Protein backbone atom coordinates (compact mmCIF):
# COMPACT_ATOMS: atom_id res chain seq x y z
CA MET A 1 53.25 26.10 -20.98
CA ASN A 2 53.25 24.39 -24.36
CA PHE A 3 53.49 20.66 -25.15
CA ILE A 4 57.28 20.70 -25.68
CA GLN A 5 57.89 22.50 -22.39
CA ARG A 6 55.67 20.03 -20.52
CA LYS A 7 57.64 17.15 -21.99
CA LEU A 8 60.89 18.88 -21.06
CA ALA A 9 59.62 19.33 -17.50
CA ASP A 10 58.74 15.63 -17.29
CA TRP A 11 62.12 14.62 -18.70
CA LEU A 12 63.99 16.82 -16.20
CA GLY A 13 61.85 15.67 -13.30
CA LEU A 14 60.32 19.12 -12.68
CA SER A 15 56.87 19.79 -11.38
CA VAL A 16 54.70 21.74 -13.77
CA GLY A 17 54.29 24.40 -11.09
CA ARG A 18 58.06 24.93 -10.80
CA MET A 19 58.57 24.86 -14.57
CA ILE A 20 58.31 28.64 -14.84
CA THR A 21 60.81 28.78 -17.69
CA ALA A 22 57.86 29.37 -19.97
CA GLN A 23 57.12 32.67 -18.25
CA LYS A 24 58.18 35.51 -20.51
CA VAL A 25 59.86 38.41 -18.67
CA GLY A 26 60.91 41.27 -20.93
CA ASN A 27 63.49 39.92 -23.36
CA GLY A 28 64.05 36.66 -21.47
CA VAL A 29 62.48 33.76 -19.63
CA VAL A 30 62.96 32.60 -16.05
CA THR A 31 65.52 29.81 -16.10
CA TRP A 32 66.01 26.85 -13.75
CA SER A 33 69.17 25.89 -11.88
CA GLY A 34 68.80 22.13 -12.22
CA GLN A 35 69.82 21.69 -8.55
CA ASN A 36 67.84 21.61 -5.33
CA LYS A 37 69.68 24.41 -3.59
CA GLN A 38 67.10 24.66 -0.82
CA GLN A 39 67.86 21.05 0.08
CA GLN A 40 71.61 21.74 -0.02
CA VAL A 41 71.12 24.50 2.56
CA ARG A 42 68.67 22.50 4.67
CA ASP A 43 70.41 19.10 4.65
CA GLY A 44 73.96 20.40 4.20
CA PHE A 45 74.87 23.61 6.00
CA ALA A 46 71.88 23.56 8.38
CA GLY A 47 71.54 19.79 8.77
CA ASN A 48 75.03 18.30 8.76
CA ASP A 49 77.63 19.12 11.41
CA ILE A 50 80.57 18.26 9.16
CA VAL A 51 79.47 20.51 6.29
CA TYR A 52 78.74 23.31 8.76
CA SER A 53 82.19 22.93 10.36
CA VAL A 54 84.05 22.83 7.03
CA VAL A 55 82.21 25.86 5.63
CA SER A 56 82.55 27.80 8.90
CA ILE A 57 86.29 27.21 9.18
CA ILE A 58 86.69 28.79 5.72
CA THR A 59 84.37 31.74 6.34
CA ASN A 60 85.89 32.44 9.77
CA LYS A 61 89.29 32.67 8.13
CA ALA A 62 88.00 34.85 5.29
CA LYS A 63 86.14 37.45 7.31
CA VAL A 64 89.13 38.61 9.41
CA ALA A 65 90.85 40.47 6.56
CA PRO A 66 90.13 44.22 6.29
CA TRP A 67 89.18 45.60 2.88
CA TYR A 68 90.10 49.00 1.45
CA GLU A 69 89.52 51.19 -1.55
CA TYR A 70 92.85 51.57 -3.37
CA GLN A 71 94.34 53.78 -6.06
CA ILE A 72 96.56 51.86 -8.49
CA THR A 73 99.99 53.53 -8.53
CA ASP A 74 102.01 50.98 -10.53
CA LYS A 75 100.01 49.13 -13.18
CA ARG A 76 102.84 46.76 -14.09
CA SER A 77 103.33 45.67 -10.47
CA TYR A 78 99.57 45.38 -10.05
CA ARG A 79 99.26 43.05 -13.04
CA LYS A 80 102.10 40.93 -11.64
CA TYR A 81 100.43 40.86 -8.22
CA LYS A 82 97.12 39.74 -9.76
CA ALA A 83 98.81 37.08 -11.89
CA LEU A 84 100.71 35.58 -8.95
CA THR A 85 97.76 35.54 -6.56
CA ALA A 86 95.67 33.74 -9.18
CA GLN A 87 97.58 30.58 -8.17
CA PRO A 88 98.10 30.95 -4.42
CA ASP A 89 99.18 27.33 -3.92
CA LYS A 90 102.20 27.99 -6.18
CA ILE A 91 103.48 30.95 -4.12
CA ASP A 92 106.58 30.32 -2.00
CA ASP A 93 107.30 33.86 -0.82
CA TRP A 94 104.18 35.63 0.43
CA GLY A 95 106.34 38.48 1.65
CA GLU A 96 107.05 39.29 -1.99
CA ILE A 97 103.30 39.24 -2.74
CA ALA A 98 102.61 41.61 0.15
CA PHE A 99 105.38 43.85 -1.17
CA LEU A 100 103.84 43.87 -4.66
CA GLN A 101 100.47 44.70 -3.15
CA SER A 102 101.84 47.70 -1.26
CA LYS A 103 104.00 48.79 -4.20
CA SER A 104 101.26 48.66 -6.82
CA MET A 105 98.49 50.49 -4.96
CA GLU A 106 97.80 52.71 -1.99
CA ILE A 107 94.72 53.51 0.05
CA VAL A 108 92.89 56.43 -1.54
CA ASP A 109 93.19 59.93 -0.05
CA MET A 110 89.66 60.89 -1.09
CA PRO A 111 87.49 57.80 -0.44
CA SER A 112 84.19 57.36 -2.25
CA LYS A 113 80.97 55.69 -1.11
CA ILE A 114 82.71 52.35 -1.74
CA SER A 115 84.97 52.86 1.29
CA ASP A 116 81.92 53.37 3.51
CA LEU A 117 80.37 50.16 2.19
CA LEU A 118 83.58 48.23 2.96
CA LYS A 119 82.93 49.05 6.64
CA TYR A 120 79.15 48.97 6.93
CA PRO A 121 77.46 47.71 3.75
CA ASN A 122 73.97 48.18 5.19
CA ASP A 123 72.15 49.05 8.42
CA GLN A 124 72.36 45.50 9.81
CA ASP A 125 75.76 44.11 8.78
CA THR A 126 79.45 44.84 9.02
CA TRP A 127 81.63 44.05 6.02
CA SER A 128 82.90 40.93 7.84
CA ASP A 129 79.32 39.72 8.20
CA LEU A 130 78.74 40.20 4.50
CA VAL A 131 81.97 38.39 3.52
CA GLU A 132 80.99 35.49 5.75
CA ALA A 133 77.54 35.22 4.16
CA HIS A 134 78.84 35.69 0.59
CA ILE A 135 81.39 32.90 0.86
CA ALA A 136 79.06 30.56 2.79
CA TYR A 137 76.35 30.84 0.11
CA LYS A 138 78.82 30.08 -2.65
CA LEU A 139 80.33 27.12 -0.79
CA VAL A 140 76.92 25.59 -0.11
CA THR A 141 74.86 26.51 -3.19
CA GLY A 142 77.62 27.13 -5.72
CA GLU A 143 76.85 30.83 -6.18
CA ARG A 144 76.13 34.12 -4.45
CA TYR A 145 74.09 37.20 -5.25
CA ILE A 146 74.91 40.69 -3.96
CA TYR A 147 72.21 43.32 -4.32
CA GLY A 148 73.35 46.92 -4.67
CA LYS A 149 70.62 49.56 -4.75
CA LEU A 150 72.11 52.29 -6.95
CA ILE A 151 72.19 55.99 -6.04
CA GLU A 152 70.30 57.97 -8.66
CA ALA A 153 71.72 61.47 -8.15
CA GLY A 154 74.53 63.42 -6.50
CA ASN A 155 78.30 62.95 -6.29
CA ASN A 156 77.93 59.18 -5.81
CA LYS A 157 75.48 58.69 -8.65
CA GLY A 158 75.68 55.16 -10.01
CA LEU A 159 77.34 53.72 -6.89
CA PRO A 160 75.46 51.40 -4.55
CA ASN A 161 73.84 53.02 -1.56
CA SER A 162 73.94 49.69 0.29
CA LEU A 163 74.92 46.06 -0.31
CA HIS A 164 72.88 43.03 0.72
CA THR A 165 73.32 39.28 0.42
CA LEU A 166 70.38 37.60 -1.31
CA PRO A 167 69.51 33.94 -0.56
CA SER A 168 70.84 32.11 -3.60
CA GLN A 169 68.56 29.09 -3.04
CA TYR A 170 65.58 31.31 -3.92
CA MET A 171 67.09 33.24 -6.82
CA SER A 172 66.24 32.75 -10.48
CA ILE A 173 68.01 34.14 -13.53
CA ILE A 174 66.03 35.73 -16.35
CA ALA A 175 67.77 35.12 -19.65
CA ASN A 176 67.37 34.82 -23.37
CA ILE A 177 68.20 31.11 -23.59
CA GLN A 178 67.65 31.08 -27.35
CA ALA A 179 70.82 33.12 -27.82
CA VAL A 180 74.25 31.46 -27.94
CA PRO A 181 75.63 32.07 -25.43
CA SER A 182 72.57 32.74 -23.28
CA GLU A 183 72.07 36.43 -22.43
CA VAL A 184 71.19 37.32 -18.83
CA VAL A 185 68.70 40.19 -18.71
CA GLY A 186 67.66 40.19 -15.04
CA TYR A 187 67.12 38.31 -11.79
CA GLN A 188 64.26 37.60 -9.45
CA LEU A 189 63.83 36.47 -5.84
CA GLU A 190 61.07 33.93 -5.22
CA ILE A 191 59.98 33.85 -1.56
CA ASN A 192 56.20 33.99 -1.13
CA THR A 193 56.12 36.57 -3.89
CA ILE A 194 58.32 37.42 -6.88
CA THR A 195 60.73 40.36 -6.55
CA PRO A 196 62.48 41.33 -9.80
CA PHE A 197 65.92 42.97 -10.02
CA PRO A 198 67.55 44.67 -13.01
CA ILE A 199 70.86 43.17 -14.06
CA GLN A 200 72.74 46.36 -13.09
CA GLU A 201 71.87 45.94 -9.40
CA ILE A 202 72.97 42.32 -8.97
CA LEU A 203 76.49 40.93 -8.66
CA HIS A 204 76.32 37.21 -9.49
CA ASP A 205 79.40 35.12 -8.71
CA LYS A 206 79.42 31.34 -9.26
CA PHE A 207 81.36 28.13 -9.64
CA VAL A 208 81.53 26.66 -13.14
CA ASN A 209 78.58 24.48 -14.17
CA LEU A 210 78.97 22.13 -17.14
CA ASN A 211 75.34 21.01 -17.03
CA TYR A 212 74.34 22.81 -20.23
CA ASP A 213 70.68 22.30 -21.17
CA GLY A 214 67.64 23.93 -22.70
CA VAL A 215 66.40 25.59 -19.51
CA GLY A 216 69.53 27.56 -18.61
CA SER A 217 71.04 25.35 -15.89
CA GLN A 218 74.51 26.39 -17.05
CA LEU A 219 73.82 29.95 -15.89
CA TYR A 220 73.84 28.84 -12.25
CA GLY A 221 76.85 27.77 -10.21
CA GLN A 222 77.35 24.12 -9.34
CA SER A 223 77.52 23.49 -5.62
CA PRO A 224 80.29 21.22 -4.27
CA LEU A 225 77.41 19.35 -2.61
CA THR A 226 76.08 18.35 -6.02
CA PRO A 227 78.89 15.85 -6.73
CA GLY A 228 78.93 15.23 -2.98
CA ALA A 229 75.20 14.44 -2.83
CA LYS A 230 75.65 10.73 -2.08
CA LEU A 231 78.26 11.54 0.55
CA LEU A 232 75.85 13.99 2.22
CA THR A 233 73.03 11.42 2.16
CA LYS A 234 75.30 8.74 3.60
CA SER A 235 76.52 11.05 6.35
CA ASN A 236 73.03 12.17 7.36
CA GLU A 237 71.62 8.64 7.27
CA SER A 238 74.51 7.42 9.41
CA LYS A 239 73.66 10.01 12.05
CA ARG A 240 69.98 9.08 11.94
CA TYR A 241 70.93 5.44 12.43
CA GLU A 242 73.10 6.30 15.44
CA VAL A 243 70.26 8.27 17.01
CA SER A 244 67.89 5.39 16.37
CA ILE A 245 70.26 2.93 18.07
CA LEU A 246 70.56 5.20 21.11
CA GLN A 247 66.81 5.65 21.33
CA ASN A 248 66.26 1.92 20.92
CA GLY A 249 68.85 1.14 23.57
CA GLY A 250 70.95 -1.16 21.40
CA HIS A 251 70.49 -3.72 18.63
CA PHE A 252 67.44 -3.98 16.48
CA GLY A 253 66.11 -7.48 16.76
CA VAL A 254 63.31 -9.90 17.62
CA MET A 255 62.16 -10.61 21.18
CA PHE A 256 60.34 -13.88 21.81
CA VAL A 257 58.87 -15.92 24.64
CA ASP A 258 61.20 -18.79 25.50
CA ASN A 259 59.54 -22.26 25.57
CA PRO A 260 56.07 -20.97 24.63
CA GLU A 261 54.70 -24.56 24.68
CA LYS A 262 54.65 -24.37 28.47
CA TYR A 263 51.97 -21.68 28.36
CA ASP A 264 48.59 -21.39 26.74
CA ASP A 265 48.00 -18.95 23.90
CA ALA A 266 46.16 -16.41 26.03
CA GLU A 267 49.06 -16.17 28.50
CA VAL A 268 51.61 -15.79 25.69
CA THR A 269 49.53 -13.10 23.98
CA ALA A 270 49.10 -11.19 27.22
CA GLN A 271 52.83 -11.37 27.95
CA ILE A 272 53.72 -10.16 24.44
CA ASP A 273 51.39 -7.16 24.81
CA LEU A 274 52.93 -6.37 28.20
CA LEU A 275 56.48 -6.56 26.82
CA ARG A 276 55.59 -4.40 23.84
CA LYS A 277 54.14 -1.73 26.12
CA SER A 278 57.11 -1.88 28.49
CA LEU A 279 59.66 -1.57 25.70
CA ARG A 280 57.79 1.36 24.20
CA ASP A 281 57.63 3.14 27.57
CA TYR A 282 61.24 2.37 28.49
CA LYS A 283 62.91 3.63 25.28
CA GLY A 284 65.01 6.78 25.17
CA ALA A 285 67.82 8.29 27.23
CA GLN A 286 65.39 9.61 29.84
CA ASN A 287 64.55 6.01 30.81
CA ALA A 288 68.14 4.81 31.16
CA GLY A 289 68.49 2.39 34.09
CA ARG A 290 64.81 1.47 34.31
CA ILE A 291 64.22 -2.28 34.37
CA ALA A 292 61.34 -4.04 32.63
CA ILE A 293 59.99 -7.17 34.36
CA SER A 294 58.57 -10.16 32.52
CA GLY A 295 56.47 -12.93 34.00
CA MET A 296 57.88 -15.42 31.49
CA PRO A 297 61.39 -16.26 30.28
CA VAL A 298 62.08 -14.31 27.09
CA GLY A 299 64.84 -14.38 24.47
CA PHE A 300 66.22 -11.87 21.98
CA GLN A 301 67.66 -12.42 18.50
CA PRO A 302 69.54 -9.39 17.04
CA ILE A 303 68.97 -8.76 13.35
CA SER A 304 71.36 -5.81 12.96
CA MET A 305 75.00 -5.05 13.59
CA SER A 306 76.12 -2.95 16.51
CA ALA A 307 77.64 0.51 16.07
CA LYS A 308 81.05 -1.02 16.76
CA GLU A 309 80.53 -3.77 14.18
CA MET A 310 79.46 -1.19 11.61
CA GLU A 311 82.52 0.96 12.46
CA ILE A 312 80.31 4.04 12.61
CA ASN A 313 83.02 6.08 14.32
CA GLN A 314 85.50 5.28 11.54
CA ALA A 315 82.83 6.05 8.94
CA TYR A 316 82.35 9.47 10.54
CA TRP A 317 86.03 10.37 10.13
CA ASN A 318 85.96 9.06 6.58
CA ASP A 319 83.10 11.48 5.93
CA VAL A 320 85.08 14.31 7.54
CA ARG A 321 88.02 13.65 5.21
CA ALA A 322 85.74 13.40 2.17
CA PHE A 323 83.99 16.72 2.88
CA CYS A 324 87.34 18.37 3.63
CA ASN A 325 88.59 17.08 0.29
CA LEU A 326 85.58 18.63 -1.47
CA TYR A 327 86.39 22.04 -0.01
CA GLY A 328 90.20 21.90 0.14
CA VAL A 329 90.36 22.03 3.96
CA PRO A 330 93.00 20.06 5.93
CA SER A 331 91.03 17.56 8.03
CA GLN A 332 93.65 18.00 10.74
CA LEU A 333 91.95 21.30 11.59
CA LEU A 334 88.73 19.38 12.32
CA ASN A 335 90.58 17.21 14.87
CA ASP A 336 90.99 14.21 12.56
CA PRO A 337 92.88 11.76 14.83
CA ASP A 338 94.56 9.84 12.00
CA ASN A 339 95.50 12.62 9.60
CA LYS A 340 98.81 14.28 10.34
CA SER A 341 99.59 15.53 6.84
CA TYR A 342 101.10 18.70 8.28
CA ASN A 343 103.84 18.80 10.90
CA SER A 344 102.27 21.64 12.82
CA LEU A 345 99.04 23.50 13.26
CA VAL A 346 100.67 26.56 11.67
CA GLU A 347 101.31 24.61 8.46
CA ALA A 348 97.72 23.35 8.45
CA GLU A 349 96.43 26.90 8.97
CA LYS A 350 98.58 28.09 6.09
CA ALA A 351 97.17 25.33 3.86
CA LEU A 352 93.64 26.39 4.85
CA THR A 353 94.39 30.01 3.97
CA VAL A 354 96.15 29.24 0.68
CA ARG A 355 93.98 26.42 -0.68
CA ALA A 356 90.53 27.11 0.73
CA THR A 357 90.27 30.80 1.63
CA ILE A 358 92.32 33.03 -0.67
CA PRO A 359 90.74 31.66 -3.90
CA HIS A 360 87.30 32.71 -2.61
CA MET A 361 88.62 36.08 -1.46
CA ASN A 362 90.17 36.64 -4.88
CA SER A 363 86.92 35.71 -6.60
CA LEU A 364 84.94 38.13 -4.44
CA ARG A 365 87.54 40.88 -5.01
CA ASP A 366 87.64 40.41 -8.78
CA ASN A 367 83.86 40.30 -9.15
CA LEU A 368 83.41 43.41 -6.99
CA ASN A 369 85.95 45.25 -9.14
CA ARG A 370 84.26 44.01 -12.31
CA LYS A 371 80.98 45.42 -11.08
CA ILE A 372 82.58 48.71 -9.99
CA TYR A 373 84.21 49.03 -13.42
CA SER A 374 80.87 48.52 -15.17
CA ASP A 375 77.52 48.96 -13.41
CA TRP A 376 78.52 50.41 -10.05
CA GLY A 377 79.94 53.81 -10.85
CA ASN A 378 82.07 52.93 -13.89
CA VAL A 379 85.22 53.68 -11.84
CA LYS A 380 88.34 52.69 -13.80
CA ASP A 381 91.30 53.86 -11.72
CA ARG A 382 90.33 52.42 -8.34
CA VAL A 383 90.02 48.89 -6.96
CA VAL A 384 88.92 47.20 -3.77
CA ASP A 385 91.14 44.56 -2.19
CA TYR A 386 91.79 42.79 1.10
CA ASP A 387 94.93 43.17 3.19
CA LEU A 388 97.16 40.08 3.04
CA ASN A 389 98.86 41.11 6.29
CA ALA A 390 95.75 39.78 8.09
CA TYR A 391 97.16 36.28 7.60
CA PRO A 392 100.40 36.04 9.60
CA GLU A 393 100.71 32.33 8.80
CA LEU A 394 101.65 33.34 5.25
CA GLN A 395 104.63 35.33 6.40
CA LYS A 396 108.02 33.84 7.04
CA ASN A 397 109.09 33.09 10.57
CA LYS A 398 110.21 36.43 12.00
CA LYS A 399 113.33 34.96 13.57
CA GLU A 400 114.44 33.34 10.31
CA LEU A 401 113.55 36.50 8.41
CA MET A 402 115.58 38.68 10.77
CA GLU A 403 118.60 36.38 10.37
CA TRP A 404 118.30 36.59 6.58
CA VAL A 405 117.80 40.38 6.59
CA SER A 406 120.85 40.86 8.84
CA LYS A 407 123.04 39.15 6.24
CA ALA A 408 121.69 40.90 3.13
CA PRO A 409 122.54 44.41 1.81
CA LEU A 410 119.08 46.02 1.75
CA SER A 411 117.71 49.52 1.80
CA ILE A 412 115.96 50.73 4.94
CA GLU A 413 112.69 50.92 3.02
CA ARG A 414 112.98 47.34 1.75
CA THR A 415 113.88 46.07 5.23
CA TYR A 416 110.72 47.60 6.67
CA GLU A 417 108.66 46.06 3.86
CA LEU A 418 110.10 42.57 4.38
CA LEU A 419 109.37 42.78 8.09
CA GLY A 420 105.80 43.81 7.35
CA GLU A 421 106.16 47.17 9.02
CA PRO A 422 105.23 50.59 7.62
CA VAL A 423 108.05 52.97 6.79
CA PRO A 424 107.95 55.92 9.25
CA ASP A 425 106.54 59.10 7.73
CA TRP A 426 109.45 61.20 9.00
CA MET A 427 111.98 59.38 6.78
CA ASP A 428 113.01 61.36 3.72
CA GLU A 429 113.69 59.74 0.35
CA GLU A 430 117.46 59.64 0.84
CA THR A 431 117.16 57.91 4.21
CA ARG A 432 114.69 55.38 2.82
CA ARG A 433 117.14 54.39 0.10
CA THR A 434 120.14 54.10 2.43
CA ILE A 435 121.69 50.65 2.14
CA LEU A 436 122.14 48.76 5.39
CA MET A 437 125.38 46.87 4.82
CA PRO A 438 126.10 43.92 7.15
CA SER A 439 129.34 44.37 9.07
CA ASN A 440 130.95 41.20 7.69
CA ILE A 441 130.40 42.34 4.09
CA GLN A 442 131.57 45.88 4.94
CA LYS A 443 134.78 44.67 6.53
CA ARG A 444 135.54 42.24 3.70
CA ALA A 445 134.88 44.84 1.01
CA ALA A 446 136.95 47.48 2.81
CA PHE A 447 139.85 45.06 3.20
CA GLN A 448 139.81 44.12 -0.48
CA ASN A 449 139.60 47.66 -1.86
CA PRO A 450 139.64 50.23 0.95
CA LEU A 451 140.07 53.20 -1.40
CA GLU A 452 137.00 52.49 -3.56
CA PHE A 453 134.68 51.17 -0.90
CA SER A 454 132.17 53.69 0.41
CA VAL A 455 128.79 52.99 1.94
CA LYS A 456 126.54 54.43 4.58
CA PHE A 457 126.85 51.99 7.43
CA ALA A 458 123.87 51.96 9.67
CA ARG A 459 124.37 48.87 11.85
């Protein structure tokens, strides 16, 4: 480490031992994230019940959707589908999106190794387990790393043999930070020892990070807990204070002997020692109800506010709303007693899916396809995607939909699609395209021009 790098480490608050950016690895150096991601995992996801609940409610929603390997059949419809789902909060008709998804692609007849990985990515995990871990890491640390060990020979050459989630809090990026923009040339895992990975084997997905500096911080994703660091500290300290109050049995304060002039110094000192020992032995929930006895009249002067005076309970719900705001989750789903932004639980669930879940699913989908197009098999005509039908809250109310369908002239095929049902295989093309004409329209049209009106009536 040269003089300039030591000064840079001091300026950034890094220990010289952690300042490994000076280590030359191939064509790059090991960069630094500029964030304490280990602390975000330890004090956030593992140490704060609100963060854990918010992250879990998103991952539990995300992992239910099945994923498939698809063949694109209509590129124009596929581009439209991708463009519309890029802004899920702007979509009014999710039935139309599901229709575009089914119209633009179909599950492949001859699946590749990718289809196997979308069920069991490795010997320990299901695909749902992997989705849960992928999204949780990104929500907590701002990024995720997926390791795919590539097959070196055979029909599946170049495809991953397995997929694993790597702990992002221990990952470092090797890059040429002298180039503009910086060029990533590899990755390494730092737990006890250093394990290097070539760039082809790692899928790195991250949130944007505007902290551009000389040690490559911009290459790492910014965690939502970075701008929420003070909120996390406040929330954790509040809980520690509550625990301390419970252990102490109430207020913090000063206990004193009342009218000490009535007693000599030796008696007062002895009584103080006795009280100190009693209070120490009687603290904690396990000693609730035990009574300490004093041989002298004593007084107590509180020097802190009670939990009620500090409005700790209200502060907790304020923290819940703040964390939910960071992650786009309706606090109503975390039992917020004062937040009724949505009229029903179904609306709140839909907001959770649209605002907090689908964007992360889209990001995972797009990055997997990017990797498949490039380093993982160089497959151009296939994509992986999740099934939107896994989220019934996005679909219109079936009763309302049936009423609308019954009044609209639609083909049999389109009716099945709107209702979210597969078209039976036995239907031929002519039957699929048969228009189902509502009786009121049929009667009115026949009355107006009975000679020209002709339609297959199937109601």
